[in-house]
């Protein structure tokens, strides 16, 4: 091949290779799904260095509770440790099945549980070994150092201590929530239900609180239904009612809660007798109650007094006719709500047997105790008071 021809062939080949490369570089890419465009998002967790473990920091949650005194209290959740001080405070914690959160108890709660329905739970769960946070009792001073020492998240108290809740909160630096359900010997259901609800929120027992409230309302409605339209109501006297300790037969009160639920007045009502006060024998002899109930917590005191002088007792028709009955202790470190409801059914059975024909008071009591305390304790209470619901013998012959 001549030199000119060789050069011509080389040029042609070069042009062909260039054209091929141009075609290849301009081919369309294969079809693929569109790729998302990166966007900026707000950080919900702190930025970590590449060498540290990835953890999520959960910010603390706070709630504001308005207690029964109208005080607004800020509380950090979750609440893991609490103390309950003052008459009735611990009872509500036990009713809500929140004893696992107790950091300590008052010294008086270490006593045997007789008379305190919730006390049987403390003993059954071996909670009497918890640290002591104060002496306890109405009008008693708060032990600030003891409370601080058990490091509770919240202090639950009733408004009948020597120190105000604001003082307790200021001196301990711990949120204080006040609960209540009426004055001693009475029940304010509005306060009771409200106290259970705020405690349910604080203690993570909201469903439990609502269930207990619904149960109580069902019993109240049932008792009202059973005693509606009763045309003849017997005269009733309830004696030996405890108030800050044992009391004699003449210790009584107006508006006795079980009788209120039964829409049945007491002979004490017309005398406006406050809890802890006494009615005179003259008034009792004048009123002549048809039926008498005695608080079994003071039964032995009544027996001893009866044996010393039978005449006043045997001058009452109820004693002469053998219509004297024992009810379970109603007051002990405030009102035993579960026991009060159990007493109402037994008293209804005695006073209106036809209206309560289907009720077994013992079974009903254990149903109530199981709902409130998680365990049937009627037999334990009956044993502690030498017998439960029963007709009492006071021979006047």
Protein backbone atom coordinates (compact mmCIF):
# COMPACT_ATOMS: atom_id res chain seq x y z
CA UNK A 1 0.00 0.00 0.00
CA UNK A 2 1.29 3.43 -0.92
CA UNK A 3 2.05 5.91 1.86
CA UNK A 4 -0.82 8.18 0.82
CA UNK A 5 -3.33 5.32 0.94
CA UNK A 6 -2.09 4.25 4.37
CA UNK A 7 -2.62 7.74 5.77
CA UNK A 8 -6.10 7.91 4.24
CA UNK A 9 -7.13 4.58 5.90
CA UNK A 10 -5.83 5.77 9.29
CA UNK A 11 -7.84 8.97 9.04
CA UNK A 12 -11.04 7.06 8.17
CA UNK A 13 -10.55 4.65 11.09
CA UNK A 14 -9.98 7.53 13.50
CA UNK A 15 -13.14 9.26 12.35
CA UNK A 16 -15.15 6.03 12.77
CA UNK A 17 -13.85 5.47 16.34
CA UNK A 18 -14.66 9.05 17.31
CA UNK A 19 -18.17 8.76 15.96
CA UNK A 20 -18.74 5.55 17.94
CA UNK A 21 -17.52 7.11 21.18
CA UNK A 22 -19.81 10.10 20.62
CA UNK A 23 -22.84 7.86 20.17
CA UNK A 24 -22.05 5.82 23.30
CA UNK A 25 -21.61 8.90 25.52
CA UNK A 26 -25.03 10.31 24.49
CA UNK A 27 -27.15 7.16 25.11
CA UNK A 28 -30.11 7.57 27.65
CA UNK A 29 -29.49 5.96 31.08
CA UNK A 30 -31.63 3.00 32.20
CA UNK A 31 -35.00 3.88 33.78
CA UNK A 32 -34.95 3.93 37.66
CA UNK A 33 -37.31 5.10 40.49
CA UNK A 34 -36.88 8.79 41.34
CA UNK A 35 -34.64 9.41 44.37
CA UNK A 36 -35.95 11.54 47.29
CA UNK A 37 -34.49 14.93 47.85
CA UNK A 38 -32.87 15.26 51.33
CA UNK A 39 -34.69 17.67 53.67
CA UNK A 40 -33.79 19.23 57.02
CA UNK A 41 -35.76 17.88 60.09
CA UNK A 42 -35.91 19.15 63.67
CA UNK A 43 -33.72 17.21 66.12
CA UNK A 44 -35.75 15.55 68.87
CA UNK A 45 -32.67 14.13 70.59
CA UNK A 46 -29.31 15.72 71.32
CA UNK A 47 -26.66 15.39 68.55
CA UNK A 48 -24.21 12.66 69.56
CA UNK A 49 -20.56 12.42 68.56
CA UNK A 50 -19.61 9.55 66.29
CA UNK A 51 -17.79 7.86 69.16
CA UNK A 52 -20.61 8.00 71.77
CA UNK A 53 -23.59 5.59 71.99
CA UNK A 54 -26.87 6.77 70.52
CA UNK A 55 -29.36 7.39 73.38
CA UNK A 56 -32.73 9.14 73.55
CA UNK A 57 -33.13 11.68 76.33
CA UNK A 58 -36.79 11.80 77.48
CA UNK A 59 -37.63 15.20 78.94
CA UNK A 60 -39.35 15.07 82.36
CA UNK A 61 -43.13 15.41 82.37
CA UNK A 62 -44.84 17.73 84.83
CA UNK A 63 -48.49 17.97 85.78
CA UNK A 64 -50.28 20.55 87.89
CA UNK A 65 -52.73 19.20 90.44
CA UNK A 66 -55.36 21.27 92.23
CA UNK A 67 -55.89 19.61 95.63
CA UNK A 68 -59.00 19.72 97.82
CA UNK A 69 -57.88 23.03 99.34
CA UNK A 70 -57.59 24.58 95.89
CA UNK A 71 -53.81 24.66 96.02
CA UNK A 72 -52.06 24.21 92.67
CA UNK A 73 -49.15 21.81 93.01
CA UNK A 74 -46.66 20.95 90.26
CA UNK A 75 -45.56 17.32 90.26
CA UNK A 76 -42.90 15.59 88.24
CA UNK A 77 -43.91 12.26 86.71
CA UNK A 78 -43.52 9.40 87.13
CA UNK A 79 -44.05 9.36 90.89
CA UNK A 80 -42.22 6.40 92.36
CA UNK A 81 -42.08 7.17 96.08
CA UNK A 82 -44.73 8.74 98.31
CA UNK A 83 -45.58 9.18 101.96
CA UNK A 84 -49.08 9.66 103.36
CA UNK A 85 -49.46 11.59 106.61
CA UNK A 86 -52.44 12.47 108.75
CA UNK A 87 -55.71 10.66 109.49
CA UNK A 88 -57.13 8.96 106.41
CA UNK A 89 -54.37 9.73 103.91
CA UNK A 90 -52.81 6.28 103.84
CA UNK A 91 -56.23 4.65 103.67
CA UNK A 92 -56.83 6.18 100.23
CA UNK A 93 -53.40 5.07 98.97
CA UNK A 94 -54.20 1.51 100.05
CA UNK A 95 -57.67 1.66 98.49
CA UNK A 96 -55.98 2.59 95.20
CA UNK A 97 -53.64 -0.39 95.43
CA UNK A 98 -50.58 1.85 95.37
CA UNK A 99 -48.73 0.48 98.40
CA UNK A 100 -45.75 -0.37 96.17
CA UNK A 101 -44.97 3.35 96.09
CA UNK A 102 -44.80 3.84 99.87
CA UNK A 103 -41.44 5.13 101.10
CA UNK A 104 -42.41 5.10 104.79
CA UNK A 105 -45.34 5.02 107.22
CA UNK A 106 -46.37 6.71 110.43
CA UNK A 107 -45.50 4.99 113.71
CA UNK A 108 -49.14 4.40 114.59
CA UNK A 109 -49.54 2.24 111.47
CA UNK A 110 -47.21 -0.31 113.04
CA UNK A 111 -49.87 -1.13 115.61
CA UNK A 112 -52.08 -4.18 115.04
CA UNK A 113 -54.71 -3.35 112.40
CA UNK A 114 -57.84 -3.81 114.54
CA UNK A 115 -60.25 -1.05 113.69
CA UNK A 116 -58.47 0.13 110.52
CA UNK A 117 -59.75 -1.77 107.49
CA UNK A 118 -56.72 -0.81 105.35
CA UNK A 119 -54.36 -1.83 108.16
CA UNK A 120 -54.90 -5.52 107.35
CA UNK A 121 -53.33 -4.91 103.94
CA UNK A 122 -50.26 -3.29 105.51
CA UNK A 123 -49.74 -6.32 107.68
CA UNK A 124 -50.48 -8.83 104.94
CA UNK A 125 -47.88 -7.20 102.69
CA UNK A 126 -45.29 -6.81 105.49
CA UNK A 127 -45.30 -3.04 105.04
CA UNK A 128 -45.06 -2.35 108.76
CA UNK A 129 -41.30 -2.64 108.39
CA UNK A 130 -41.08 0.53 106.31
CA UNK A 131 -39.19 3.49 107.81
CA UNK A 132 -41.11 5.65 110.29
CA UNK A 133 -41.87 9.13 108.94
CA UNK A 134 -43.58 10.54 112.04
CA UNK A 135 -45.76 9.67 114.98
CA UNK A 136 -49.11 10.16 113.27
CA UNK A 137 -52.45 11.07 114.73
CA UNK A 138 -54.74 14.12 114.44
CA UNK A 139 -53.15 17.47 115.24
CA UNK A 140 -49.70 15.87 115.49
CA UNK A 141 -46.61 17.79 114.29
CA UNK A 142 -44.94 16.79 111.04
CA UNK A 143 -41.49 15.21 111.31
CA UNK A 144 -39.73 17.07 108.51
CA UNK A 145 -36.36 15.35 108.88
CA UNK A 146 -37.88 11.85 108.83
CA UNK A 147 -39.85 12.62 105.69
CA UNK A 148 -36.88 14.14 103.89
CA UNK A 149 -34.83 11.11 104.87
CA UNK A 150 -36.97 8.66 102.86
CA UNK A 151 -36.84 10.89 99.75
CA UNK A 152 -40.46 10.81 98.58
CA UNK A 153 -41.46 12.40 95.28
CA UNK A 154 -44.77 13.56 96.75
CA UNK A 155 -46.24 14.04 100.23
CA UNK A 156 -49.94 13.19 100.55
CA UNK A 157 -51.60 14.64 103.63
CA UNK A 158 -54.94 15.41 105.21
CA UNK A 159 -55.68 18.91 106.54
CA UNK A 160 -55.84 18.00 110.24
CA UNK A 161 -52.17 18.10 111.22
CA UNK A 162 -50.40 20.71 113.31
CA UNK A 163 -48.56 22.05 110.25
CA UNK A 164 -50.10 23.55 107.14
CA UNK A 165 -49.42 21.96 103.73
CA UNK A 166 -47.64 25.10 102.56
CA UNK A 167 -45.33 24.94 105.56
CA UNK A 168 -44.63 21.26 104.97
CA UNK A 169 -43.87 21.90 101.30
CA UNK A 170 -41.62 24.86 102.08
CA UNK A 171 -39.61 23.06 104.75
CA UNK A 172 -39.16 19.80 102.84
CA UNK A 173 -38.91 21.08 99.29
CA UNK A 174 -41.27 18.25 98.29
CA UNK A 175 -44.69 18.76 96.60
CA UNK A 176 -47.57 18.38 99.06
CA UNK A 177 -51.05 17.34 97.91
CA UNK A 178 -53.97 17.58 100.35
CA UNK A 179 -56.78 15.02 100.19
CA UNK A 180 -59.90 14.66 102.30
CA UNK A 181 -63.28 12.99 102.46
CA UNK A 182 -65.09 14.96 105.13
CA UNK A 183 -64.73 15.60 108.83
CA UNK A 184 -64.28 12.71 111.23
CA UNK A 185 -67.36 10.53 111.42
CA UNK A 186 -68.82 11.91 108.21
CA UNK A 187 -68.24 11.34 104.51
CA UNK A 188 -68.21 14.03 101.86
CA UNK A 189 -68.54 12.00 98.67
CA UNK A 190 -67.64 14.93 96.43
CA UNK A 191 -64.33 15.37 98.24
CA UNK A 192 -63.79 11.61 98.40
CA UNK A 193 -64.24 11.07 94.67
CA UNK A 194 -62.14 14.12 93.81
CA UNK A 195 -59.35 12.97 96.14
CA UNK A 196 -59.33 9.51 94.59
CA UNK A 197 -59.14 10.99 91.11
CA UNK A 198 -56.20 13.30 91.80
CA UNK A 199 -54.38 10.51 93.62
CA UNK A 200 -55.11 8.21 90.69
CA UNK A 201 -53.42 10.73 88.40
CA UNK A 202 -50.42 11.15 90.68
CA UNK A 203 -49.96 7.45 91.45
CA UNK A 204 -50.71 6.13 87.95
CA UNK A 205 -53.91 4.53 89.19
CA UNK A 206 -56.48 6.43 87.16
CA UNK A 207 -58.39 3.35 86.00
CA UNK A 208 -58.36 1.95 89.52
CA UNK A 209 -59.76 5.22 90.90
CA UNK A 210 -62.59 5.30 88.36
CA UNK A 211 -63.47 1.68 89.02
CA UNK A 212 -63.62 2.25 92.78
CA UNK A 213 -65.73 5.38 92.37
CA UNK A 214 -68.14 3.55 90.06
CA UNK A 215 -68.39 0.69 92.55
CA UNK A 216 -69.19 3.03 95.44
CA UNK A 217 -71.82 4.82 93.39
CA UNK A 218 -73.43 1.47 92.55
CA UNK A 219 -73.69 0.58 96.25
CA UNK A 220 -75.08 3.98 97.18
CA UNK A 221 -77.71 3.68 94.45
CA UNK A 222 -78.55 0.11 95.48
CA UNK A 223 -79.06 1.09 99.13
CA UNK A 224 -81.22 4.05 98.09
CA UNK A 225 -83.32 1.84 95.82
CA UNK A 226 -83.85 -0.77 98.52
CA UNK A 227 -85.05 1.76 101.08
CA UNK A 228 -87.10 3.96 98.78
CA UNK A 229 -90.77 4.42 99.65
CA UNK A 230 -90.49 2.77 103.07
CA UNK A 231 -93.59 3.85 104.94
CA UNK A 232 -92.56 2.87 108.47
CA UNK A 233 -89.04 3.46 109.68
CA UNK A 234 -88.04 2.26 113.15
CA UNK A 235 -86.43 4.51 115.74
CA UNK A 236 -82.73 3.75 115.72
CA UNK A 237 -79.87 4.56 118.07
CA UNK A 238 -76.19 3.89 117.34
CA UNK A 239 -74.04 3.93 120.47
CA UNK A 240 -70.44 3.54 121.63
CA UNK A 241 -69.14 5.18 118.45
CA UNK A 242 -65.38 5.61 118.64
CA UNK A 243 -63.89 9.08 118.50
CA UNK A 244 -60.16 9.51 119.04
CA UNK A 245 -60.24 6.33 121.06
CA UNK A 246 -62.77 4.23 122.95
CA UNK A 247 -66.12 5.70 123.99
CA UNK A 248 -69.08 4.70 126.19
CA UNK A 249 -72.56 3.69 125.14
CA UNK A 250 -73.79 7.30 125.10
CA UNK A 251 -71.21 8.30 122.46
CA UNK A 252 -73.17 8.86 119.26
CA UNK A 253 -73.61 11.33 116.42
CA UNK A 254 -76.18 12.85 114.15
CA UNK A 255 -76.13 11.90 110.49
CA UNK A 256 -74.55 8.49 111.02
CA UNK A 257 -73.34 7.66 107.46
CA UNK A 258 -74.71 4.09 107.15
CA UNK A 259 -78.13 5.32 108.30
CA UNK A 260 -77.95 8.25 105.89
CA UNK A 261 -77.45 5.76 103.05
CA UNK A 262 -80.47 3.85 104.32
CA UNK A 263 -82.53 7.07 104.51
CA UNK A 264 -83.18 6.27 108.15
CA UNK A 265 -82.85 8.88 110.90
CA UNK A 266 -81.19 8.26 114.24
CA UNK A 267 -82.72 9.45 117.49
CA UNK A 268 -79.52 11.52 117.84
CA UNK A 269 -80.40 13.57 114.75
CA UNK A 270 -82.90 15.83 116.50
CA UNK A 271 -80.29 16.70 119.14
CA UNK A 272 -77.67 17.70 116.55
CA UNK A 273 -74.94 15.71 118.28
CA UNK A 274 -71.52 16.17 116.74
CA UNK A 275 -69.06 13.26 116.44
CA UNK A 276 -67.35 12.73 119.77
CA UNK A 277 -70.24 14.18 121.78
CA UNK A 278 -72.70 12.22 123.90
CA UNK A 279 -76.42 11.99 124.29
CA UNK A 280 -77.98 12.07 127.75
CA UNK A 281 -79.67 9.08 129.28
CA UNK A 282 -82.72 11.29 129.77
CA UNK A 283 -82.95 11.83 126.02
CA UNK A 284 -82.50 8.12 125.30
CA UNK A 285 -85.23 7.17 127.77
CA UNK A 286 -87.51 9.77 126.24
CA UNK A 287 -86.86 8.66 122.65
CA UNK A 288 -87.07 4.91 123.37
CA UNK A 289 -85.32 3.58 120.25
CA UNK A 290 -86.80 0.42 118.72
CA UNK A 291 -83.40 -0.87 117.61
CA UNK A 292 -79.91 -0.23 119.01
CA UNK A 293 -76.60 -0.78 117.26
CA UNK A 294 -73.30 -0.85 119.15
CA UNK A 295 -69.85 -0.29 117.67
CA UNK A 296 -68.05 -3.55 118.42
CA UNK A 297 -64.84 -1.65 118.98
CA UNK A 298 -66.33 -0.53 122.31
CA UNK A 299 -68.54 -3.54 123.03
CA UNK A 300 -66.56 -4.68 126.07
CA UNK A 301 -66.78 -1.17 127.54
CA UNK A 302 -70.57 -1.30 127.19
CA UNK A 303 -70.70 -4.79 128.74
CA UNK A 304 -68.67 -3.65 131.74
CA UNK A 305 -70.91 -0.63 132.25
CA UNK A 306 -74.03 -2.76 131.82
CA UNK A 307 -72.83 -5.19 134.48
CA UNK A 308 -72.24 -2.29 136.90
CA UNK A 309 -75.71 -0.86 136.45
CA UNK A 310 -78.32 -2.60 134.32
CA UNK A 311 -81.22 -0.31 135.12
CA UNK A 312 -80.56 2.48 132.58
CA UNK A 313 -80.03 -0.06 129.79
CA UNK A 314 -82.94 -2.25 130.73
CA UNK A 315 -85.21 0.77 130.79
CA UNK A 316 -84.80 0.99 127.03
CA UNK A 317 -87.31 -1.02 124.97
CA UNK A 318 -84.62 -2.20 122.55
CA UNK A 319 -82.69 -3.87 125.40
CA UNK A 320 -85.83 -5.33 126.96
CA UNK A 321 -86.87 -6.81 123.61
CA UNK A 322 -83.41 -8.05 122.66
CA UNK A 323 -83.07 -5.76 119.63
CA UNK A 324 -79.43 -4.82 120.16
CA UNK A 325 -76.91 -5.55 117.41
CA UNK A 326 -73.19 -5.22 116.83
CA UNK A 327 -71.64 -3.43 113.86
CA UNK A 328 -68.02 -3.33 112.76
CA UNK A 329 -65.83 -0.41 113.90
CA UNK A 330 -66.72 2.67 111.94
CA UNK A 331 -64.15 5.26 113.05
CA UNK A 332 -60.46 4.57 113.57
CA UNK A 333 -57.92 7.09 112.33
CA UNK A 334 -60.73 8.63 110.31
CA UNK A 335 -63.59 6.88 108.57
CA UNK A 336 -63.36 3.28 107.40
CA UNK A 337 -65.20 3.74 104.11
CA UNK A 338 -65.29 0.06 103.17
CA UNK A 339 -66.49 -0.91 106.65
CA UNK A 340 -69.09 1.85 106.60
CA UNK A 341 -70.61 0.39 103.44
CA UNK A 342 -70.53 -3.12 104.87
CA UNK A 343 -72.25 -1.85 108.04
CA UNK A 344 -74.94 -0.20 105.92
CA UNK A 345 -75.92 -3.53 104.36
CA UNK A 346 -76.02 -5.32 107.71
CA UNK A 347 -78.06 -2.53 109.31
CA UNK A 348 -80.40 -2.58 106.32
CA UNK A 349 -80.86 -6.32 106.76
CA UNK A 350 -81.80 -5.80 110.44
CA UNK A 351 -84.08 -2.82 109.90
CA UNK A 352 -85.74 -3.81 106.61
CA UNK A 353 -85.42 -7.60 106.28
CA UNK A 354 -87.90 -7.79 103.41
CA UNK A 355 -85.96 -5.20 101.39
CA UNK A 356 -82.65 -7.02 102.00
CA UNK A 357 -83.93 -10.59 101.80
CA UNK A 358 -81.41 -11.48 99.09
CA UNK A 359 -78.41 -10.04 100.98
CA UNK A 360 -76.00 -12.12 103.04
CA UNK A 361 -74.24 -9.40 105.09
CA UNK A 362 -71.08 -11.47 105.56
CA UNK A 363 -70.71 -12.23 101.86
CA UNK A 364 -71.53 -8.64 101.00
CA UNK A 365 -68.90 -7.40 103.43
CA UNK A 366 -66.23 -9.58 101.86
CA UNK A 367 -67.29 -8.46 98.39
CA UNK A 368 -66.82 -4.85 99.51
CA UNK A 369 -63.50 -5.54 101.23
CA UNK A 370 -62.19 -7.40 98.21
CA UNK A 371 -63.09 -4.48 95.93
CA UNK A 372 -61.48 -1.91 98.22
CA UNK A 373 -58.54 -3.87 99.58
CA UNK A 374 -58.00 -6.76 97.18
CA UNK A 375 -58.69 -9.32 99.91
CA UNK A 376 -61.65 -10.54 102.00
CA UNK A 377 -61.01 -9.55 105.62
CA UNK A 378 -64.42 -9.91 107.29
CA UNK A 379 -63.44 -13.03 109.21
CA UNK A 380 -60.24 -11.39 110.43
CA UNK A 381 -62.15 -8.38 111.71
CA UNK A 382 -64.79 -10.60 113.31
CA UNK A 383 -62.09 -12.59 115.07
CA UNK A 384 -60.38 -9.46 116.33
CA UNK A 385 -63.64 -8.20 117.85
CA UNK A 386 -64.81 -11.54 119.25
CA UNK A 387 -67.49 -11.83 116.63
CA UNK A 388 -68.80 -9.85 113.72
CA UNK A 389 -72.32 -8.83 112.75
CA UNK A 390 -74.59 -10.34 115.36
CA UNK A 391 -77.39 -9.86 117.83
CA UNK A 392 -75.95 -8.97 121.24
CA UNK A 393 -77.10 -10.41 124.52
CA UNK A 394 -77.89 -8.07 127.40
CA UNK A 395 -80.19 -9.99 129.76
CA UNK A 396 -82.72 -7.69 131.40
CA UNK A 397 -84.98 -10.34 132.91
